[in-house]
N, C-alpha and C. Protein backbone atom coordinates (compact mmCIF):
# COMPACT_ATOMS: atom_id res chain seq x y z
N MET A 1 -83.07 -24.40 -116.38
CA MET A 1 -84.27 -25.06 -115.99
C MET A 1 -84.70 -25.74 -117.45
N VAL A 2 -84.69 -24.99 -118.56
CA VAL A 2 -85.07 -25.33 -119.98
C VAL A 2 -83.85 -26.47 -120.21
N LEU A 3 -82.69 -26.12 -120.20
CA LEU A 3 -81.54 -26.97 -120.47
C LEU A 3 -81.25 -28.08 -119.69
N PHE A 4 -81.83 -28.29 -118.42
CA PHE A 4 -82.11 -29.43 -117.52
C PHE A 4 -83.26 -30.33 -118.09
N LEU A 5 -84.10 -29.86 -118.43
CA LEU A 5 -85.50 -30.63 -119.22
C LEU A 5 -84.85 -31.12 -120.22
N VAL A 6 -83.84 -30.45 -121.30
CA VAL A 6 -83.75 -31.08 -122.72
C VAL A 6 -82.67 -32.14 -122.32
N LEU A 7 -81.98 -31.93 -121.49
CA LEU A 7 -80.80 -33.05 -121.15
C LEU A 7 -81.46 -34.38 -120.67
N ALA A 8 -82.40 -34.18 -119.44
CA ALA A 8 -83.11 -35.19 -119.14
C ALA A 8 -83.85 -35.74 -120.28
N LEU A 9 -84.36 -35.12 -121.27
CA LEU A 9 -85.14 -35.89 -122.39
C LEU A 9 -84.14 -36.88 -123.40
N ILE A 10 -82.77 -36.54 -123.55
CA ILE A 10 -81.77 -36.82 -124.23
C ILE A 10 -81.45 -37.91 -123.28
N VAL A 11 -81.14 -38.10 -122.27
CA VAL A 11 -80.84 -39.03 -121.38
C VAL A 11 -82.12 -40.38 -121.38
N ALA A 12 -83.16 -39.80 -121.16
CA ALA A 12 -84.24 -40.86 -121.25
C ALA A 12 -84.41 -41.38 -122.80
N GLY A 13 -84.26 -40.77 -123.71
CA GLY A 13 -84.24 -41.30 -125.29
C GLY A 13 -82.98 -42.36 -125.38
N ILE A 14 -81.98 -41.85 -124.74
CA ILE A 14 -80.78 -42.76 -125.09
C ILE A 14 -81.00 -44.12 -124.26
N PHE A 15 -81.57 -43.90 -123.13
CA PHE A 15 -81.97 -45.06 -122.20
C PHE A 15 -83.04 -46.08 -123.03
N ALA A 16 -83.85 -45.33 -123.53
CA ALA A 16 -84.97 -46.00 -124.23
C ALA A 16 -84.56 -46.84 -125.54
N PHE A 17 -83.63 -46.08 -126.21
CA PHE A 17 -82.79 -46.61 -127.25
C PHE A 17 -82.40 -47.63 -127.25
N THR A 18 -81.43 -47.80 -126.00
CA THR A 18 -80.55 -49.08 -125.59
C THR A 18 -81.39 -50.40 -125.16
N ARG A 19 -82.54 -49.88 -124.92
CA ARG A 19 -83.84 -50.89 -124.42
C ARG A 19 -84.56 -51.44 -125.41
N LEU A 20 -84.22 -50.89 -126.62
CA LEU A 20 -85.16 -51.16 -127.65
C LEU A 20 -84.87 -52.43 -128.53
N PRO A 21 -85.90 -53.57 -128.42
CA PRO A 21 -85.43 -54.81 -129.12
C PRO A 21 -85.34 -54.53 -130.42
N ILE A 22 -84.18 -55.21 -131.09
CA ILE A 22 -84.09 -54.82 -132.56
C ILE A 22 -83.88 -56.19 -133.01
N ASP A 23 -84.49 -56.79 -133.89
CA ASP A 23 -84.27 -58.51 -134.61
C ASP A 23 -83.32 -58.04 -136.09
N ALA A 24 -82.35 -58.77 -136.20
CA ALA A 24 -81.49 -58.67 -137.42
C ALA A 24 -82.19 -59.05 -138.34
N PHE A 25 -83.13 -60.27 -138.18
CA PHE A 25 -83.53 -61.13 -139.34
C PHE A 25 -85.25 -61.03 -139.05
N PRO A 26 -85.89 -60.26 -139.41
CA PRO A 26 -87.29 -60.36 -138.67
C PRO A 26 -87.84 -61.16 -139.41
N ASP A 27 -89.18 -61.78 -138.83
CA ASP A 27 -89.89 -63.21 -139.51
C ASP A 27 -91.01 -62.47 -140.35
N VAL A 28 -90.54 -62.67 -141.86
CA VAL A 28 -91.30 -61.80 -142.71
C VAL A 28 -92.32 -63.19 -143.51
N SER A 29 -92.33 -64.22 -143.08
CA SER A 29 -93.03 -65.44 -143.64
C SER A 29 -94.50 -65.12 -143.39
N ASN A 30 -95.28 -65.70 -144.20
CA ASN A 30 -96.78 -65.61 -143.91
C ASN A 30 -97.18 -67.14 -143.18
N VAL A 31 -98.43 -66.95 -142.53
CA VAL A 31 -98.74 -68.35 -141.93
C VAL A 31 -99.56 -69.04 -143.01
N GLN A 32 -99.00 -70.25 -143.30
CA GLN A 32 -99.75 -71.16 -144.23
C GLN A 32 -100.11 -72.47 -143.68
N VAL A 33 -100.96 -73.24 -143.99
CA VAL A 33 -101.65 -74.65 -143.69
C VAL A 33 -101.88 -75.17 -144.70
N GLU A 34 -101.32 -76.22 -145.00
CA GLU A 34 -101.42 -77.31 -146.25
C GLU A 34 -102.25 -78.46 -145.59
N ILE A 35 -103.49 -78.69 -146.62
CA ILE A 35 -104.15 -79.72 -146.31
C ILE A 35 -104.19 -80.48 -147.58
N ILE A 36 -103.44 -81.95 -147.18
CA ILE A 36 -103.25 -82.80 -148.29
C ILE A 36 -104.11 -84.31 -148.08
N ALA A 37 -104.94 -84.44 -149.32
CA ALA A 37 -105.51 -85.59 -149.08
C ALA A 37 -105.25 -86.37 -150.16
N ARG A 38 -105.10 -87.68 -150.01
CA ARG A 38 -104.81 -88.78 -151.08
C ARG A 38 -105.84 -89.55 -151.20
N ALA A 39 -106.45 -89.89 -152.42
CA ALA A 39 -107.60 -90.41 -153.21
C ALA A 39 -106.74 -91.62 -154.18
N PRO A 40 -106.40 -92.53 -153.53
CA PRO A 40 -105.66 -93.23 -154.77
C PRO A 40 -106.60 -93.83 -155.74
N GLY A 41 -106.37 -93.98 -156.88
CA GLY A 41 -107.06 -94.56 -158.07
C GLY A 41 -108.26 -93.62 -158.63
N LEU A 42 -108.34 -92.31 -158.16
CA LEU A 42 -109.21 -91.35 -158.64
C LEU A 42 -108.55 -90.37 -159.74
N SER A 43 -109.23 -90.04 -160.67
CA SER A 43 -108.67 -89.15 -161.60
C SER A 43 -108.53 -87.69 -161.02
N PRO A 44 -107.79 -86.80 -161.85
CA PRO A 44 -107.89 -85.47 -161.38
C PRO A 44 -109.13 -84.67 -161.17
N LEU A 45 -110.14 -84.90 -162.18
CA LEU A 45 -111.09 -84.35 -162.32
C LEU A 45 -112.23 -84.81 -161.39
N GLU A 46 -112.22 -86.03 -160.61
CA GLU A 46 -112.97 -86.93 -159.79
C GLU A 46 -112.42 -86.34 -158.48
N ILE A 47 -111.16 -86.13 -158.29
CA ILE A 47 -110.52 -85.39 -156.89
C ILE A 47 -111.01 -84.30 -156.85
N GLU A 48 -111.10 -83.51 -157.91
CA GLU A 48 -111.38 -81.63 -158.03
C GLU A 48 -112.86 -81.87 -157.30
N ARG A 49 -113.62 -82.73 -158.16
CA ARG A 49 -115.00 -82.47 -157.64
C ARG A 49 -115.54 -83.35 -156.26
N LEU A 50 -114.87 -84.31 -155.73
CA LEU A 50 -115.49 -85.08 -154.54
C LEU A 50 -114.26 -84.68 -153.50
N VAL A 51 -113.18 -84.12 -153.62
CA VAL A 51 -112.21 -84.08 -152.56
C VAL A 51 -111.91 -82.66 -152.40
N THR A 52 -111.12 -81.78 -153.54
CA THR A 52 -110.74 -80.51 -153.47
C THR A 52 -111.83 -79.53 -153.26
N PHE A 53 -112.86 -79.68 -153.84
CA PHE A 53 -114.22 -78.57 -153.86
C PHE A 53 -114.74 -78.36 -152.53
N PRO A 54 -115.26 -79.54 -152.13
CA PRO A 54 -115.76 -79.50 -150.72
C PRO A 54 -114.54 -79.06 -149.53
N ILE A 55 -113.38 -79.31 -149.84
CA ILE A 55 -112.58 -78.82 -148.60
C ILE A 55 -112.21 -77.17 -148.75
N GLU A 56 -112.50 -76.60 -150.17
CA GLU A 56 -112.16 -75.18 -150.22
C GLU A 56 -113.64 -74.46 -149.72
N ILE A 57 -114.51 -75.30 -150.01
CA ILE A 57 -115.77 -74.79 -149.52
C ILE A 57 -116.08 -74.77 -148.07
N SER A 58 -115.70 -75.39 -147.25
CA SER A 58 -115.61 -75.63 -145.91
C SER A 58 -114.48 -74.59 -145.16
N MET A 59 -113.44 -74.41 -146.14
CA MET A 59 -112.55 -73.49 -145.15
C MET A 59 -112.61 -72.08 -145.71
N ARG A 60 -113.48 -71.81 -146.65
CA ARG A 60 -113.73 -70.47 -147.07
C ARG A 60 -114.07 -69.52 -146.24
N GLY A 61 -114.44 -69.84 -144.76
CA GLY A 61 -115.29 -68.84 -143.74
C GLY A 61 -114.18 -68.72 -142.58
N LEU A 62 -113.13 -69.37 -142.84
CA LEU A 62 -112.01 -68.99 -141.71
C LEU A 62 -111.51 -67.88 -141.39
N PRO A 63 -111.32 -67.30 -140.25
CA PRO A 63 -111.23 -65.85 -139.90
C PRO A 63 -109.58 -65.48 -140.48
N GLN A 64 -109.56 -64.46 -141.00
CA GLN A 64 -108.25 -63.70 -141.53
C GLN A 64 -107.67 -64.70 -142.54
N LEU A 65 -108.55 -65.33 -143.22
CA LEU A 65 -108.15 -66.05 -144.36
C LEU A 65 -107.62 -65.03 -145.84
N GLU A 66 -106.64 -65.11 -146.19
CA GLU A 66 -106.29 -64.16 -147.15
C GLU A 66 -106.12 -64.75 -148.48
N LEU A 67 -105.60 -65.86 -148.61
CA LEU A 67 -105.45 -66.60 -149.95
C LEU A 67 -105.74 -68.10 -149.69
N MET A 68 -106.21 -68.90 -150.76
CA MET A 68 -106.46 -70.03 -150.86
C MET A 68 -106.18 -70.53 -152.22
N ARG A 69 -105.15 -71.80 -152.21
CA ARG A 69 -104.68 -72.15 -153.47
C ARG A 69 -104.72 -73.47 -153.42
N SER A 70 -105.35 -74.06 -154.61
CA SER A 70 -105.26 -75.74 -154.77
C SER A 70 -104.54 -76.49 -156.13
N VAL A 71 -104.09 -77.59 -155.49
CA VAL A 71 -103.61 -78.31 -156.85
C VAL A 71 -104.07 -79.69 -156.87
N THR A 72 -104.52 -80.16 -157.79
CA THR A 72 -105.29 -81.62 -157.75
C THR A 72 -104.20 -82.09 -159.02
N LYS A 73 -103.84 -83.39 -158.67
CA LYS A 73 -103.07 -84.23 -159.55
C LYS A 73 -103.70 -85.58 -159.23
N PHE A 74 -103.38 -86.57 -159.97
CA PHE A 74 -103.67 -88.02 -159.85
C PHE A 74 -103.65 -88.51 -158.65
N GLY A 75 -104.66 -88.90 -157.88
CA GLY A 75 -104.42 -89.52 -156.50
C GLY A 75 -104.24 -88.42 -155.43
N LEU A 76 -104.08 -87.01 -155.56
CA LEU A 76 -103.64 -86.21 -154.63
C LEU A 76 -104.43 -84.87 -154.84
N SER A 77 -104.48 -84.39 -153.86
CA SER A 77 -105.46 -82.88 -153.73
C SER A 77 -104.45 -82.24 -152.29
N VAL A 78 -104.05 -81.13 -152.91
CA VAL A 78 -103.58 -80.24 -151.96
C VAL A 78 -103.84 -78.63 -152.01
N VAL A 79 -104.55 -78.32 -150.85
CA VAL A 79 -105.23 -77.08 -150.57
C VAL A 79 -104.21 -76.34 -149.88
N THR A 80 -103.80 -74.94 -149.98
CA THR A 80 -102.87 -74.30 -149.20
C THR A 80 -103.68 -73.14 -148.80
N LEU A 81 -103.69 -72.79 -147.43
CA LEU A 81 -104.38 -71.85 -146.91
C LEU A 81 -103.36 -70.60 -146.36
N ILE A 82 -103.56 -69.54 -147.02
CA ILE A 82 -102.51 -68.41 -146.45
C ILE A 82 -103.46 -67.50 -145.48
N PHE A 83 -103.13 -67.24 -144.50
CA PHE A 83 -103.55 -66.29 -143.52
C PHE A 83 -102.54 -65.03 -143.30
N GLN A 84 -103.65 -63.98 -142.84
CA GLN A 84 -103.11 -62.88 -142.26
C GLN A 84 -101.99 -62.89 -141.16
N ARG A 85 -101.08 -62.38 -141.07
CA ARG A 85 -99.93 -62.40 -140.14
C ARG A 85 -100.38 -62.06 -138.67
N PRO A 86 -101.09 -60.71 -138.53
CA PRO A 86 -101.48 -60.30 -137.01
C PRO A 86 -102.22 -61.22 -136.15
N ASN A 87 -101.92 -61.16 -134.95
CA ASN A 87 -102.79 -61.80 -134.06
C ASN A 87 -103.21 -63.37 -134.18
N LEU A 88 -102.29 -63.90 -134.81
CA LEU A 88 -102.80 -65.36 -134.91
C LEU A 88 -102.26 -66.32 -134.32
N ILE A 89 -103.01 -67.17 -133.41
CA ILE A 89 -102.45 -68.35 -132.65
C ILE A 89 -102.31 -69.46 -133.46
N PHE A 90 -101.00 -70.18 -133.62
CA PHE A 90 -101.07 -71.25 -134.49
C PHE A 90 -101.83 -72.48 -133.97
N ILE A 91 -101.79 -72.61 -132.59
CA ILE A 91 -102.63 -73.95 -132.06
C ILE A 91 -104.42 -73.68 -132.28
N LEU A 92 -104.91 -72.72 -132.19
CA LEU A 92 -106.06 -72.06 -132.53
C LEU A 92 -106.29 -72.48 -134.06
N LEU A 93 -105.52 -71.74 -134.98
CA LEU A 93 -105.66 -72.04 -136.15
C LEU A 93 -105.64 -73.53 -136.63
N ALA A 94 -104.76 -74.49 -136.06
CA ALA A 94 -104.78 -75.81 -136.31
C ALA A 94 -106.18 -76.21 -136.06
N SER A 95 -106.51 -75.96 -134.81
CA SER A 95 -107.83 -76.35 -134.47
C SER A 95 -108.95 -76.20 -135.22
N LEU A 96 -109.05 -74.82 -135.66
CA LEU A 96 -109.99 -74.54 -136.46
C LEU A 96 -110.13 -75.57 -137.99
N VAL A 97 -108.79 -75.62 -138.21
CA VAL A 97 -108.75 -76.32 -139.67
C VAL A 97 -109.23 -77.60 -139.52
N LEU A 98 -108.79 -78.29 -138.28
CA LEU A 98 -109.42 -79.81 -137.88
C LEU A 98 -110.67 -79.90 -137.80
N THR A 99 -111.57 -78.80 -137.09
CA THR A 99 -112.80 -79.04 -136.75
C THR A 99 -113.51 -78.68 -138.04
N LYS A 100 -113.11 -77.91 -139.01
CA LYS A 100 -113.81 -77.60 -140.39
C LYS A 100 -114.05 -78.82 -141.00
N GLY A 101 -112.99 -79.68 -140.89
CA GLY A 101 -112.94 -80.97 -141.71
C GLY A 101 -113.58 -81.92 -141.16
């Protein structure tokens, strides 16, 4: 009886192992959203004060926001939002960013 149960467990384990999905190259990238704003003719200091900082303030409360980076150059502001990976739906995320702006 015990031998039969052990044999059944081994067969069930082999069956479950063959059905196990294995990904050779798992997706380890994070979820990033870049907000690029052009302001031709403004200095980096003006862009930082008038464009970059207000974008950062409005994006600060997004759910699962892990990191926010920004780069301000002459005529250009780039704000990068990095989110935590689990349970994110890209369409919802994009709509949240669009409605915040």
